[in-house]
Protein backbone atom coordinates (compact mmCIF):
# COMPACT_ATOMS: atom_id res chain seq x y z
CA MET A 1 0.00 0.00 0.00
CA PRO A 2 1.52 3.37 -0.96
CA ARG A 3 2.44 5.90 1.67
CA ARG A 4 -0.09 8.76 1.88
CA LEU A 5 0.91 12.40 1.91
CA VAL A 6 -1.81 14.93 2.74
CA VAL A 7 -1.25 18.60 1.99
CA ILE A 8 -3.36 21.41 3.43
CA GLY A 9 -3.18 24.39 1.08
CA GLY A 10 -3.19 24.42 -2.70
CA ASP A 11 -0.90 27.29 -3.60
CA ALA A 12 2.88 27.74 -3.86
CA ALA A 13 4.24 25.78 -0.89
CA GLY A 14 1.61 23.06 -0.76
CA MET A 15 1.54 22.21 -4.44
CA SER A 16 5.32 22.42 -4.77
CA ALA A 17 5.58 19.81 -2.02
CA ALA A 18 2.85 17.67 -3.56
CA SER A 19 4.28 17.86 -7.08
CA ARG A 20 7.87 17.15 -6.10
CA ALA A 21 6.89 14.21 -3.89
CA LYS A 22 4.72 12.65 -6.62
CA ARG A 23 7.39 13.21 -9.28
CA ARG A 24 10.03 11.50 -7.12
CA ALA A 25 8.02 8.59 -5.73
CA GLY A 26 5.43 7.93 -8.43
CA ASP A 27 3.05 5.11 -7.54
CA ASP A 28 4.84 4.54 -4.23
CA ILE A 29 3.10 7.61 -2.80
CA GLU A 30 -0.51 8.76 -2.73
CA VAL A 31 -0.82 12.55 -2.59
CA ILE A 32 -4.01 14.31 -1.50
CA ALA A 33 -4.17 18.11 -1.47
CA VAL A 34 -7.10 19.97 0.12
CA GLU A 35 -7.79 23.61 -0.72
CA ARG A 36 -10.74 25.62 0.60
CA GLY A 37 -10.75 27.87 -2.47
CA LEU A 38 -11.32 26.85 -6.08
CA TRP A 39 -7.87 27.59 -7.51
CA THR A 40 -4.43 26.07 -7.12
CA SER A 41 -0.94 27.33 -7.92
CA TYR A 42 -1.86 30.90 -8.77
CA SER A 43 0.02 34.19 -8.46
CA GLN A 44 -1.24 36.28 -5.57
CA CYS A 45 1.38 38.88 -6.51
CA GLY A 46 -0.22 39.32 -9.94
CA ILE A 47 -3.69 40.23 -8.65
CA PRO A 48 -3.15 44.04 -8.52
CA TYR A 49 -1.91 43.97 -12.12
CA TRP A 50 -4.94 41.94 -13.18
CA ILE A 51 -7.24 44.50 -11.55
CA ALA A 52 -5.30 47.27 -13.29
CA GLY A 53 -5.92 45.64 -16.67
CA GLU A 54 -2.33 44.58 -17.37
CA VAL A 55 -3.22 40.88 -17.04
CA GLY A 56 -5.89 39.61 -19.41
CA THR A 57 -7.93 37.18 -17.30
CA GLU A 58 -7.76 35.37 -14.01
CA ASP A 59 -6.70 32.24 -15.90
CA ASP A 60 -3.46 33.98 -16.81
CA LEU A 61 -2.56 34.06 -13.11
CA VAL A 62 -2.88 30.29 -12.71
CA ALA A 63 0.34 28.33 -13.23
CA ARG A 64 -1.35 24.94 -12.88
CA THR A 65 -5.05 24.21 -12.52
CA PRO A 66 -6.53 21.52 -10.25
CA ASP A 67 -7.19 19.35 -13.32
CA GLU A 68 -3.58 19.69 -14.46
CA HIS A 69 -2.40 18.57 -11.02
CA ARG A 70 -4.85 15.65 -11.17
CA ARG A 71 -3.45 14.57 -14.53
CA ASN A 72 -0.08 14.39 -12.78
CA GLY A 73 -1.47 11.96 -10.24
CA ILE A 74 -2.34 14.32 -7.36
CA ASP A 75 -5.79 14.02 -5.79
CA VAL A 76 -6.70 17.72 -5.55
CA ARG A 77 -9.85 18.48 -3.59
CA VAL A 78 -10.83 22.13 -4.01
CA GLY A 79 -13.68 23.66 -2.05
CA THR A 80 -12.53 21.50 0.85
CA GLU A 81 -11.58 23.13 4.13
CA ALA A 82 -9.46 21.47 6.79
CA THR A 83 -11.19 22.08 10.12
CA GLU A 84 -9.08 20.11 12.61
CA LEU A 85 -5.72 18.40 12.90
CA GLN A 86 -6.04 15.12 14.81
CA LEU A 87 -2.33 14.51 15.14
CA ASP A 88 -2.62 11.68 17.66
CA ARG A 89 -4.83 9.74 15.24
CA GLY A 90 -2.95 10.57 12.05
CA ARG A 91 -5.86 12.25 10.33
CA ILE A 92 -7.47 15.60 9.59
CA ALA A 93 -11.09 16.64 9.66
CA VAL A 94 -12.39 18.37 6.54
CA ARG A 95 -15.59 20.08 5.44
CA ASP A 96 -17.02 20.45 1.95
CA VAL A 97 -17.47 24.22 1.61
CA ALA A 98 -20.51 23.92 -0.68
CA SER A 99 -22.47 21.15 1.04
CA GLY A 100 -21.17 21.38 4.60
CA ASP A 101 -20.52 17.62 4.64
CA GLU A 102 -17.77 16.60 7.05
CA SER A 103 -15.31 13.73 6.81
CA HIS A 104 -11.79 12.63 7.75
CA ILE A 105 -8.63 11.98 5.75
CA GLU A 106 -5.91 9.77 7.19
CA TYR A 107 -2.26 10.44 6.45
CA ASP A 108 1.26 9.10 6.93
CA ASP A 109 2.79 12.54 6.36
CA LEU A 110 1.02 15.88 6.69
CA VAL A 111 2.09 19.20 5.17
CA LEU A 112 0.76 22.45 6.63
CA ALA A 113 0.77 25.08 3.89
CA THR A 114 -2.13 27.14 5.20
CA GLY A 115 -0.68 30.48 4.11
CA ALA A 116 -1.37 33.85 5.67
CA ARG A 117 -4.50 35.90 6.26
CA PRO A 118 -4.89 39.64 5.69
CA VAL A 119 -4.81 41.84 8.75
CA ARG A 120 -8.31 43.21 9.31
CA PRO A 121 -8.41 45.53 12.33
CA PRO A 122 -11.71 45.60 14.26
CA LEU A 123 -12.87 48.98 12.94
CA PRO A 124 -16.48 50.15 12.55
CA GLY A 125 -17.78 49.56 9.03
CA LEU A 126 -14.97 47.19 8.03
CA ASP A 127 -17.43 44.66 6.59
CA ALA A 128 -19.16 47.19 4.33
CA GLU A 129 -19.55 46.43 0.64
CA GLY A 130 -16.64 47.99 -1.22
CA VAL A 131 -13.96 47.35 1.43
CA PHE A 132 -11.62 44.78 -0.08
CA GLY A 133 -8.65 42.73 0.99
CA ILE A 134 -6.39 41.80 -1.92
CA GLN A 135 -5.13 38.25 -1.57
CA THR A 136 -7.11 35.73 -3.60
CA ILE A 137 -8.57 35.48 -7.09
CA ASP A 138 -12.02 35.83 -5.47
CA HIS A 139 -10.90 39.15 -3.97
CA GLY A 140 -9.77 40.32 -7.38
CA ARG A 141 -13.09 39.30 -8.92
CA ARG A 142 -15.01 41.31 -6.35
CA VAL A 143 -12.92 44.41 -6.90
CA LEU A 144 -13.37 44.17 -10.67
CA ALA A 145 -17.11 43.66 -10.25
CA ALA A 146 -17.34 46.74 -8.03
CA LEU A 147 -15.36 48.84 -10.50
CA ALA A 148 -17.66 47.68 -13.31
CA THR A 149 -21.01 48.10 -11.56
CA ARG A 150 -20.70 50.85 -8.97
CA ARG A 151 -21.14 54.06 -10.95
CA PRO A 152 -19.90 56.68 -10.77
CA MET A 153 -16.62 55.39 -9.30
CA ARG A 154 -14.44 58.41 -8.57
CA ARG A 155 -12.42 57.99 -5.37
CA ALA A 156 -10.39 55.19 -3.83
CA VAL A 157 -8.73 55.03 -0.43
CA ILE A 158 -5.87 52.61 0.13
CA VAL A 159 -5.41 51.73 3.80
CA GLY A 160 -1.84 50.57 4.33
CA GLY A 161 1.37 51.53 2.58
CA GLY A 162 3.15 48.19 2.24
CA PHE A 163 3.71 46.23 -0.97
CA ILE A 164 0.01 45.63 -1.64
CA GLY A 165 -0.92 49.18 -0.65
CA VAL A 166 1.60 50.73 -3.03
CA GLU A 167 0.62 48.35 -5.83
CA MET A 168 -3.10 49.00 -5.33
CA ALA A 169 -2.49 52.75 -5.32
CA GLU A 170 -0.99 52.34 -8.79
CA THR A 171 -3.87 50.07 -9.81
CA MET A 172 -6.58 52.54 -8.80
CA LEU A 173 -4.66 55.37 -10.43
CA ALA A 174 -4.55 53.34 -13.66
CA ARG A 175 -8.32 52.88 -13.34
CA GLY A 176 -8.74 56.64 -13.41
CA LEU A 177 -9.69 57.15 -9.76
CA HIS A 178 -8.54 59.85 -7.41
CA VAL A 179 -6.46 57.98 -4.83
CA THR A 180 -5.68 58.64 -1.19
CA LEU A 181 -3.13 56.46 0.60
CA VAL A 182 -3.36 56.18 4.39
CA SER A 183 -0.13 54.84 5.88
CA GLN A 184 0.48 54.38 9.61
CA PRO A 185 4.32 54.53 9.46
CA PRO A 186 6.08 57.86 8.80
CA GLN A 187 6.50 56.88 5.12
CA PRO A 188 5.09 54.16 2.85
CA MET A 189 6.90 50.83 2.71
CA SER A 190 7.97 50.18 6.29
CA THR A 191 10.25 47.48 4.87
CA LEU A 192 12.45 50.42 3.82
CA ASP A 193 14.08 53.02 6.03
CA ALA A 194 12.00 56.19 6.27
CA ASP A 195 14.44 58.27 4.23
CA MET A 196 14.05 55.86 1.32
CA GLY A 197 10.30 55.66 1.85
CA SER A 198 10.10 59.43 1.46
CA LEU A 199 11.13 58.97 -2.19
CA ILE A 200 7.99 56.89 -2.69
CA THR A 201 5.86 59.59 -1.09
CA LYS A 202 7.38 62.16 -3.44
CA SER A 203 6.67 60.00 -6.49
CA MET A 204 3.09 59.28 -5.40
CA GLU A 205 2.36 62.93 -4.78
CA GLY A 206 3.87 63.74 -8.17
CA HIS A 207 1.24 61.46 -9.73
CA GLY A 208 -1.58 63.20 -7.88
CA ILE A 209 -2.05 60.80 -4.97
CA ASP A 210 -3.01 62.29 -1.63
CA VAL A 211 -0.55 60.59 0.75
CA ARG A 212 -1.42 60.62 4.46
CA ASN A 213 1.60 59.29 6.34
CA ALA A 214 1.77 58.68 10.10
CA THR A 215 -2.01 58.35 9.99
CA SER A 216 -4.39 55.52 10.87
CA ALA A 217 -7.88 54.73 9.70
CA THR A 218 -10.30 54.74 12.63
CA GLY A 219 -13.44 53.53 10.86
CA PHE A 220 -15.46 53.33 7.67
CA GLU A 221 -18.62 55.24 6.83
CA VAL A 222 -21.42 53.18 5.30
CA ASP A 223 -24.28 54.52 3.16
CA GLN A 224 -27.92 53.38 3.22
CA THR A 225 -27.22 50.61 0.71
CA GLY A 226 -24.51 49.09 2.88
CA CYS A 227 -21.67 50.36 0.67
CA VAL A 228 -18.61 52.14 1.96
CA SER A 229 -18.77 55.90 1.48
CA GLY A 230 -15.76 57.14 3.40
CA VAL A 231 -12.79 56.39 5.61
CA ARG A 232 -12.37 58.15 8.93
CA ILE A 233 -8.90 59.28 10.03
CA GLY A 234 -9.46 60.94 13.38
CA ASP A 235 -12.05 63.68 12.93
CA GLU A 236 -11.63 63.83 9.15
CA LEU A 237 -13.73 61.89 6.66
CA LEU A 238 -12.13 60.86 3.36
CA GLU A 239 -15.02 60.33 0.98
CA CYS A 240 -14.59 57.34 -1.32
CA ASP A 241 -16.34 54.73 -3.44
CA VAL A 242 -13.94 51.85 -2.84
CA VAL A 243 -11.34 50.88 -0.22
CA ALA A 244 -8.41 48.49 -0.64
CA LEU A 245 -6.76 47.13 2.49
CA GLY A 246 -3.00 46.65 2.37
CA ILE A 247 -2.22 46.52 6.08
CA GLY A 248 -0.24 43.31 5.88
CA VAL A 249 -0.75 39.63 6.63
CA GLN A 250 -0.36 37.25 9.56
CA PRO A 251 0.47 33.53 9.48
CA ASP A 252 -2.71 31.48 9.27
CA THR A 253 -1.87 29.03 12.03
CA SER A 254 -5.21 28.58 13.80
CA LEU A 255 -5.35 24.87 12.92
CA ALA A 256 -1.82 24.36 14.19
CA VAL A 257 -2.37 26.29 17.42
CA ASP A 258 -5.61 24.41 18.14
CA ALA A 259 -3.68 21.17 17.72
CA GLY A 260 -1.04 22.26 20.24
CA ILE A 261 1.71 23.13 17.78
CA GLU A 262 3.95 25.89 19.07
CA VAL A 263 4.37 29.11 17.12
CA GLY A 264 7.04 31.79 17.29
CA ASP A 265 7.04 35.45 18.23
CA HIS A 266 5.56 36.42 14.85
CA GLY A 267 2.79 33.83 15.09
CA GLY A 268 4.31 31.40 12.58
CA ILE A 269 5.28 27.75 12.86
CA ARG A 270 9.04 27.18 13.19
CA PRO A 271 10.13 24.03 11.33
CA ASP A 272 13.76 22.94 11.19
CA ASP A 273 15.81 23.46 8.05
CA SER A 274 14.36 20.28 6.53
CA MET A 275 10.91 21.89 7.00
CA ARG A 276 10.02 19.25 9.58
CA VAL A 277 7.91 20.21 12.60
CA ALA A 278 7.71 16.70 14.09
CA ASP A 279 7.81 13.12 12.81
CA GLY A 280 5.43 13.00 9.85
CA LEU A 281 4.57 16.68 10.16
CA TRP A 282 5.92 19.39 7.86
CA ALA A 283 5.22 23.08 7.29
CA ALA A 284 6.06 25.61 4.59
CA GLY A 285 5.02 28.91 3.05
CA ASP A 286 3.39 31.96 4.57
CA CYS A 287 2.28 30.10 7.72
CA ILE A 288 5.86 29.67 8.96
CA GLU A 289 8.70 31.81 10.28
CA VAL A 290 12.08 31.65 8.56
CA HIS A 291 15.68 32.09 9.64
CA ASP A 292 17.19 35.45 8.67
CA ARG A 293 20.78 34.74 7.59
CA VAL A 294 21.90 38.33 8.16
CA LEU A 295 20.53 38.97 11.64
CA ASN A 296 20.39 35.34 12.83
CA ARG A 297 16.77 35.83 13.93
CA TRP A 298 13.38 34.36 13.12
CA LYS A 299 11.22 36.46 10.82
CA HIS A 300 7.86 36.16 9.08
CA THR A 301 8.64 36.79 5.43
CA PRO A 302 5.64 35.79 3.29
CA LEU A 303 6.94 35.54 -0.27
CA GLY A 304 6.19 33.04 -3.03
CA THR A 305 9.90 32.69 -3.81
CA HIS A 306 10.50 31.16 -0.40
CA ALA A 307 7.29 29.12 -0.38
CA ASN A 308 8.12 27.32 -3.62
CA LYS A 309 11.61 26.40 -2.42
CA GLN A 310 10.32 25.20 0.96
CA GLY A 311 7.74 23.02 -0.78
CA VAL A 312 10.45 21.45 -2.92
CA VAL A 313 12.49 20.68 0.21
CA ILE A 314 9.51 18.89 1.76
CA GLY A 315 8.82 16.95 -1.43
CA VAL A 316 12.41 15.69 -1.45
CA ASN A 317 12.57 14.83 2.24
CA VAL A 318 9.18 13.15 2.50
CA THR A 319 10.26 10.73 -0.24
CA GLY A 320 13.51 9.72 1.41
CA GLY A 321 15.85 12.40 0.08
CA SER A 322 17.88 14.97 1.93
CA ALA A 323 17.34 18.70 1.33
CA THR A 324 17.46 21.80 3.47
CA PHE A 325 16.12 25.33 3.26
CA PRO A 326 19.05 27.62 4.11
CA GLY A 327 17.14 30.70 5.25
CA VAL A 328 16.51 34.10 3.69
CA VAL A 329 17.96 37.58 3.37
CA ARG A 330 14.47 39.07 2.77
CA THR A 331 14.91 40.30 -0.78
CA ALA A 332 11.85 41.91 -2.35
CA ILE A 333 10.93 44.24 -5.20
CA THR A 334 7.90 46.15 -6.47
CA ARG A 335 7.11 49.28 -8.42
CA PHE A 336 4.94 52.36 -8.37
CA VAL A 337 4.23 53.43 -11.98
CA ASP A 338 7.79 54.03 -13.28
CA LEU A 339 9.49 53.96 -9.87
CA GLU A 340 11.22 50.69 -8.95
CA ILE A 341 11.50 49.83 -5.25
CA ALA A 342 13.73 47.06 -3.90
CA ARG A 343 15.27 45.94 -0.63
CA THR A 344 17.32 43.16 0.92
CA GLY A 345 18.78 42.40 4.34
CA ALA A 346 18.55 44.53 7.46
CA LEU A 347 17.16 48.02 7.97
CA GLU A 348 19.07 50.50 10.11
CA ASP A 349 16.78 50.09 13.11
CA GLU A 350 17.13 46.29 12.95
CA CYS A 351 20.86 46.47 13.58
CA GLU A 352 20.72 46.97 17.34
CA GLY A 353 23.69 45.34 18.99
CA LEU A 354 25.83 45.86 15.90
CA ASP A 355 28.23 48.68 15.13
CA ALA A 356 26.41 49.44 11.88
CA ALA A 357 26.43 52.43 9.59
CA SER A 358 24.79 53.39 6.29
CA VAL A 359 25.69 55.39 3.21
CA THR A 360 23.35 56.71 0.53
CA ILE A 361 24.44 57.59 -3.00
CA GLU A 362 22.72 59.09 -6.03
CA ALA A 363 23.34 57.59 -9.46
CA THR A 364 21.64 56.94 -12.78
CA THR A 365 20.26 53.76 -14.27
CA HIS A 366 22.78 53.89 -17.10
CA ALA A 367 25.51 56.21 -18.36
CA GLY A 368 24.29 59.75 -17.82
CA TYR A 369 25.40 60.98 -21.24
CA LEU A 370 22.87 58.67 -22.95
CA PRO A 371 19.22 59.72 -23.21
CA ASP A 372 16.57 58.57 -20.73
CA ALA A 373 18.94 57.86 -17.87
CA ASP A 374 16.74 57.81 -14.77
CA PRO A 375 17.89 58.77 -11.29
CA MET A 376 18.33 56.08 -8.68
CA THR A 377 19.17 56.11 -4.99
CA VAL A 378 21.10 53.29 -3.35
CA LYS A 379 21.38 52.92 0.42
CA LEU A 380 23.90 50.45 1.81
CA THR A 381 24.06 49.34 5.44
CA PHE A 382 27.21 47.63 6.70
CA ASP A 383 29.05 46.50 9.81
CA LYS A 384 31.75 49.09 10.50
CA PRO A 385 34.38 46.85 12.15
CA SER A 386 34.27 44.05 9.57
CA GLY A 387 32.87 45.86 6.54
CA ARG A 388 30.32 43.08 6.03
CA VAL A 389 27.27 44.12 4.00
CA LEU A 390 24.12 44.00 6.16
CA GLY A 391 21.41 45.44 3.97
CA ALA A 392 20.55 47.53 0.93
CA GLN A 393 17.68 49.49 -0.55
CA ILE A 394 17.19 50.86 -4.06
CA VAL A 395 14.61 53.35 -5.30
CA GLY A 396 14.86 54.59 -8.87
CA GLY A 397 13.73 54.55 -12.47
CA ARG A 398 13.46 51.68 -14.89
CA GLY A 399 16.48 49.42 -14.65
CA ALA A 400 17.24 50.27 -11.03
CA GLY A 401 15.36 47.62 -9.08
CA MET A 402 16.84 44.32 -10.24
CA ARG A 403 20.28 45.46 -9.13
CA ILE A 404 19.07 44.40 -5.70
CA ASN A 405 19.94 40.82 -6.70
CA VAL A 406 23.65 41.70 -6.77
CA LEU A 407 23.31 43.03 -3.23
CA ALA A 408 21.28 40.00 -2.15
CA MET A 409 24.10 37.74 -3.32
CA ALA A 410 26.58 39.92 -1.44
CA LEU A 411 24.54 39.32 1.72
CA TRP A 412 24.14 35.62 0.96
CA SER A 413 27.88 35.23 0.56
CA ARG A 414 28.73 37.50 3.50
CA LEU A 415 30.78 39.84 1.32
CA THR A 416 32.45 42.93 2.71
CA VAL A 417 32.04 46.31 1.06
CA GLU A 418 35.63 45.99 -0.18
CA GLU A 419 34.80 42.69 -1.88
CA LEU A 420 31.56 44.11 -3.29
CA MET A 421 33.42 47.03 -4.81
CA MET A 422 35.73 44.62 -6.65
CA THR A 423 33.07 42.26 -8.02
CA ASP A 424 33.17 41.65 -11.76
CA LEU A 425 29.93 43.26 -12.99
CA ALA A 426 28.92 43.83 -16.62
CA TYR A 427 29.33 47.29 -18.13
CA ALA A 428 28.17 49.03 -21.27
CA PRO A 429 26.86 52.62 -21.41
CA PRO A 430 23.21 51.63 -22.20
CA PHE A 431 23.11 49.56 -18.99
CA SER A 432 25.37 51.18 -16.40
CA SER A 433 28.11 53.60 -15.67
CA VAL A 434 31.61 52.10 -15.61
CA TRP A 435 31.26 51.84 -11.84
CA ASP A 436 27.86 50.24 -11.29
CA PRO A 437 25.76 52.10 -8.68
CA VAL A 438 26.04 49.19 -6.23
CA GLN A 439 29.83 49.51 -6.45
CA VAL A 440 29.60 53.28 -6.05
CA ALA A 441 27.69 52.64 -2.82
CA ALA A 442 30.37 50.15 -1.74
CA ARG A 443 33.08 52.76 -2.39
CA ALA A 444 31.17 55.26 -0.24
CA ALA A 445 30.95 52.67 2.54
CA ILE A 446 34.69 52.02 2.35
CA ALA A 447 35.34 55.74 2.71
CA ALA A 448 32.98 55.87 5.69
CA ARG A 449 34.90 53.09 7.46
CA ARG A 450 38.20 55.03 7.38
């Protein structure tokens, strides 16, 4: 009788684990994946661009449908919600979302890939029609339906200035709405230092967005039809027709906690580097915490890049192989219109206990004597005694953002600023100055160490 692997969660981590295990073990393993939604293996990150009209249909966001997974031998059960982990009995309780019917599924190995849930603060009017979280294809459908049917649609308020908030601000701008962004931190993108976040504020305001930093929403006004009509910030009412929430996410670990599984300071499960929680129990994706290689701390870093790799590690290990997930340096990138925004490693205020310093340089995306060279700002944080690179942030025009990968590799390899300055990077005037901006920042850091 084949060994049975049960996976809870049908997106990046869960289906990567399921697919890799089935590919390696074939008929020697039975793989069942339960997913409470109707889609598998889709791009959450692409949803704002779909709403903006840059992505044709929801199908374009799906990398592999449930039927495609089934043709590969995986028993995918969509519309099926896991309701309880019965770890002592080696089974889970599930409920059919449509019918309400309940049943149990036994397992030999269990993968928790339950993802994360949007933060929804308990504010008056939060459940009004027209207040949207942006996480699933269903969420995207609802936003598109509201934009198509609620007329006239003139004003949008984005609550939260993180990745989703910034991306939804661009989306609503592209849809022709007047946009207000309400951000609790001093500047948007709290994953950047405030001085770099101020560049995002400047760009947003330059595109006509009303940016309200260091401000919190205190409630939502609701009209007689039950639709949102405004967002309250203190005594002021921001009138609007639609609200997008981008306040962040939390690990969805309620099943794990109810089953007695311990979680970390950020609310996520902490597996070992093989992604094992206990014998026969594995976890991956946005429901877990990960090891930060720079700061040697646990962090919650919900990104599909990590989730896919973690799923692969589980798929290898559950079929008798040996693989590890080596941690993260928290590299991420997004954009606002033509402004590229990227970061990796530690922020300044995360470097307590270290003798750290930062330098900031101004450069251009390619040789300044060629047309259309856009400005870019690079901030580099480093350990003063050793010169080791600790973190970096880039904000600039087209061609700026992907340079963050050079800096991510510097962090991964524990390079010093001296070593970074001497790296062999490509050069031609249409792409860079002879000293690439990341090396210019390294030179500035070397000077600051003297």
